[in-house]
Protein backbone atom coordinates (compact mmCIF):
# COMPACT_ATOMS: atom_id res chain seq x y z
CA MET A 1 0.00 0.00 0.00
CA THR A 2 1.44 3.35 -1.03
CA ASP A 3 0.93 6.48 1.03
CA THR A 4 -0.01 9.40 -1.17
CA VAL A 5 1.47 12.76 -0.30
CA THR A 6 -1.19 15.37 0.39
CA ILE A 7 -1.13 18.83 -1.12
CA GLY A 8 -0.51 20.19 2.38
CA GLU A 9 2.55 18.00 2.84
CA ARG A 10 3.84 19.02 -0.59
CA TYR A 11 3.28 22.69 0.27
CA ARG A 12 5.15 22.39 3.59
CA ARG A 13 8.04 20.68 1.81
CA ALA A 14 8.07 23.36 -0.90
CA THR A 15 8.32 26.17 1.67
CA ASN A 16 11.64 24.66 2.80
CA SER A 17 12.91 23.74 -0.68
CA SER A 18 16.16 25.05 -2.07
CA ASN A 19 15.03 24.32 -5.65
CA ILE A 20 12.31 26.80 -6.54
CA ARG A 21 12.96 27.08 -10.26
CA PRO A 22 9.87 26.52 -12.42
CA GLU A 23 10.14 23.56 -14.75
CA ALA A 24 8.40 23.43 -18.11
CA ARG A 25 7.75 19.69 -18.25
CA ARG A 26 6.40 18.99 -14.78
CA SER A 27 5.05 20.83 -11.78
CA GLY A 28 7.54 21.27 -8.96
CA ASP A 29 7.97 23.19 -5.73
CA ALA A 30 7.93 26.57 -7.49
CA ASP A 31 4.55 25.78 -9.07
CA LEU A 32 3.15 24.79 -5.70
CA LEU A 33 4.30 28.08 -4.16
CA ILE A 34 2.76 29.99 -7.06
CA ALA A 35 -0.48 28.05 -6.56
CA ALA A 36 -0.41 28.98 -2.87
CA GLY A 37 -0.28 32.62 -3.92
CA TRP A 38 -3.61 32.15 -5.69
CA ALA A 39 -5.19 30.39 -2.74
CA ASP A 40 -7.11 31.86 0.19
CA SER A 41 -4.61 33.74 2.32
CA LEU A 42 -6.05 32.61 5.69
CA GLY A 43 -5.94 28.99 4.54
CA ILE A 44 -2.31 29.36 3.46
CA LYS A 45 -1.38 31.10 6.73
CA LEU A 46 -2.91 28.18 8.61
CA TYR A 47 -0.99 25.73 6.38
CA ARG A 48 2.29 27.51 7.16
CA LEU A 49 1.57 27.61 10.87
CA ALA A 50 0.58 23.93 10.97
CA GLY A 51 3.82 23.02 9.18
CA GLU A 52 5.91 25.02 11.65
CA PHE A 53 4.00 23.51 14.57
CA ASP A 54 4.63 19.98 13.27
CA GLN A 55 8.35 20.72 13.40
CA VAL A 56 8.30 21.82 17.08
CA ALA A 57 5.48 19.63 18.44
CA ARG A 58 7.78 16.88 19.67
CA ASP A 59 9.82 19.40 21.67
CA LEU A 60 6.64 20.99 23.02
CA HIS A 61 5.37 17.67 24.39
CA ARG A 62 8.67 17.11 26.23
CA VAL A 63 8.61 20.32 28.27
CA ASN A 64 7.25 20.40 31.79
CA ASN A 65 6.68 24.10 32.42
CA GLN A 66 5.09 27.07 30.75
CA THR A 67 8.36 28.99 30.29
CA ASP A 68 9.91 26.17 28.27
CA ALA A 69 6.69 25.83 26.25
CA ILE A 70 6.82 29.53 25.39
CA MET A 71 10.43 29.13 24.26
CA VAL A 72 9.47 26.24 21.98
CA LEU A 73 6.48 28.14 20.56
CA SER A 74 8.69 31.16 19.86
CA HIS A 75 10.04 29.17 16.90
CA LEU A 76 6.65 29.55 15.18
CA LYS A 77 7.50 32.47 12.91
CA THR A 78 4.01 32.75 11.41
CA LEU A 79 2.04 32.41 14.66
CA THR A 80 1.51 36.14 15.16
CA GLN A 81 0.47 36.74 11.55
CA ALA A 82 -1.86 33.73 11.39
CA ARG A 83 -3.44 34.55 14.75
CA ALA A 84 -4.05 38.17 13.72
CA ALA A 85 -5.66 37.04 10.45
CA LEU A 86 -7.81 34.54 12.34
CA VAL A 87 -8.92 37.18 14.87
CA GLY A 88 -9.92 39.46 11.97
CA PHE A 89 -11.86 36.62 10.36
CA ALA A 90 -13.53 35.76 13.68
CA LEU A 91 -14.54 39.35 14.39
CA ASP A 92 -16.17 39.51 10.95
CA ALA A 93 -17.86 36.11 11.35
CA SER A 94 -19.08 36.64 14.91
CA PRO A 95 -22.24 38.63 14.10
CA ARG A 96 -23.02 36.45 11.04
CA TRP A 97 -22.88 33.35 13.25
CA GLY A 98 -25.23 34.97 15.75
CA VAL A 99 -22.59 35.16 18.47
CA PRO A 100 -21.61 38.82 18.82
CA LEU A 101 -18.61 38.61 21.15
CA ASP A 102 -16.54 41.60 22.16
CA THR A 103 -13.04 41.97 20.70
CA ASN A 104 -11.14 40.79 23.78
CA VAL A 105 -13.30 37.68 24.27
CA THR A 106 -13.05 36.89 20.56
CA ALA A 107 -9.25 37.10 20.72
CA ILE A 108 -9.17 34.77 23.73
CA VAL A 109 -11.48 32.21 22.09
CA VAL A 110 -9.43 32.40 18.87
CA GLY A 111 -6.25 31.65 20.84
CA LYS A 112 -7.84 28.63 22.52
CA ALA A 113 -9.34 27.35 19.27
CA LEU A 114 -6.02 27.78 17.45
CA SER A 115 -4.25 25.87 20.21
CA ALA A 116 -6.78 23.02 20.02
CA TRP A 117 -6.58 23.03 16.21
CA LEU A 118 -2.79 22.81 16.16
CA ASP A 119 -2.58 20.18 18.90
CA PRO A 120 -5.90 18.28 18.89
CA ASN A 121 -4.96 15.59 21.42
CA CYS A 122 -5.52 16.08 25.13
CA PRO A 123 -2.19 16.97 26.77
CA LYS A 124 -3.04 14.99 29.94
CA CYS A 125 -3.74 11.60 28.32
CA SER A 126 -1.99 12.15 24.95
CA GLY A 127 -5.22 11.42 23.10
CA VAL A 128 -5.90 8.02 24.68
CA GLY A 129 -8.85 9.14 26.81
CA SER A 130 -7.66 7.42 29.96
CA VAL A 131 -4.84 7.71 32.46
CA GLY A 132 -3.20 5.00 34.51
CA GLY A 133 -3.66 1.33 33.81
CA TYR A 134 0.02 0.54 34.25
CA ASP A 135 1.42 -2.37 36.25
CA GLY A 136 -1.97 -4.02 36.69
CA LYS A 137 -3.66 -0.89 38.02
CA THR A 138 -7.05 0.23 36.79
CA ALA A 139 -7.14 2.83 34.04
CA ASN A 140 -9.31 5.86 34.77
CA ILE A 141 -11.11 8.14 32.36
CA CYS A 142 -9.09 11.29 31.81
CA ARG A 143 -10.79 14.11 33.73
CA ARG A 144 -9.40 16.85 31.51
CA CYS A 145 -10.97 15.60 28.26
CA GLY A 146 -13.76 13.48 29.76
CA GLY A 147 -12.45 10.41 27.95
CA SER A 148 -12.67 11.91 24.45
CA GLY A 149 -8.90 12.20 24.01
CA LYS A 150 -9.42 15.60 22.38
CA ASN A 151 -8.09 18.98 23.43
CA ARG A 152 -11.51 20.63 23.22
CA ASN A 153 -12.27 21.41 26.85
CA GLY A 154 -11.85 25.00 27.89
CA LEU A 155 -12.54 26.51 24.47
CA GLY A 156 -14.84 29.05 26.04
CA ALA A 157 -16.30 30.14 29.36
CA THR A 158 -19.92 30.18 28.17
CA ASP A 159 -22.04 28.07 25.85
CA ALA A 160 -21.96 30.90 23.27
CA GLU A 161 -18.14 31.00 23.36
CA ARG A 162 -17.87 27.21 23.04
CA TYR A 163 -20.33 27.26 20.13
CA PHE A 164 -18.32 30.05 18.50
CA ALA A 165 -15.08 28.10 19.00
CA GLN A 166 -16.57 25.01 17.34
CA ARG A 167 -17.76 27.10 14.38
CA LEU A 168 -14.30 28.65 14.17
CA LEU A 169 -12.58 25.25 14.17
CA SER A 170 -14.85 24.14 11.32
CA ALA A 171 -14.18 27.37 9.42
CA MET A 172 -10.42 26.88 9.81
CA ASP A 173 -10.67 23.42 8.29
CA ALA A 174 -12.84 24.83 5.50
CA LYS A 175 -10.32 27.60 4.77
CA MET A 176 -7.56 25.02 4.44
CA GLY A 177 -9.83 22.91 2.23
CA GLU A 178 -10.46 25.92 -0.04
CA ALA A 179 -6.72 26.59 -0.27
CA ASP A 180 -6.19 22.91 -1.05
CA SER A 181 -8.73 22.98 -3.89
CA ILE A 182 -7.27 26.10 -5.47
CA MET A 183 -3.72 24.72 -5.34
CA LYS A 184 -4.84 21.40 -6.84
CA ARG A 185 -6.76 23.16 -9.61
CA TYR A 186 -3.73 25.32 -10.46
CA LEU A 187 -1.39 22.32 -10.48
CA ARG A 188 -3.77 20.31 -12.71
CA GLY A 189 -3.63 23.15 -15.22
CA ARG A 190 0.19 22.95 -15.16
CA ALA A 191 0.34 19.19 -15.81
């Protein structure tokens, strides 16, 4: 069984490529970067951020305190830009989604949603949904995620904020999907 490389994986590889010369006979890294220029800018910003996060995620899961975590996350060069674009998107979407949140609350919910989107597994149980169960002891349901294994708890203080965060997570996936489609369409035209 062969694993196919996704457009997102190709894009992340292209952003670190040293060969960005366009080729006439086949589409290469340069063509993918050009296609990204045609794609939705929020979707591309999220792609870049996800790629950077993938590179530091292992280090992030090894740290035991907040100071070290901040140092690891400081390697995310596009975090500030992507977060600002997402806050702008969220402020625009908030009234359309029927959840008019103030600017500060929106920024807080965006930060929590972005964190859960980048690292979807519960940090307490590593996505398993339970803790313990070693050396013949009984495994217990993880209290932080309620056994889901997902890093979704704490996305908002109220039902409206949690609803907004869920809509935002879906919109982020949709923005990446739109960017994906545009890049694929451009690359098909190059083949």
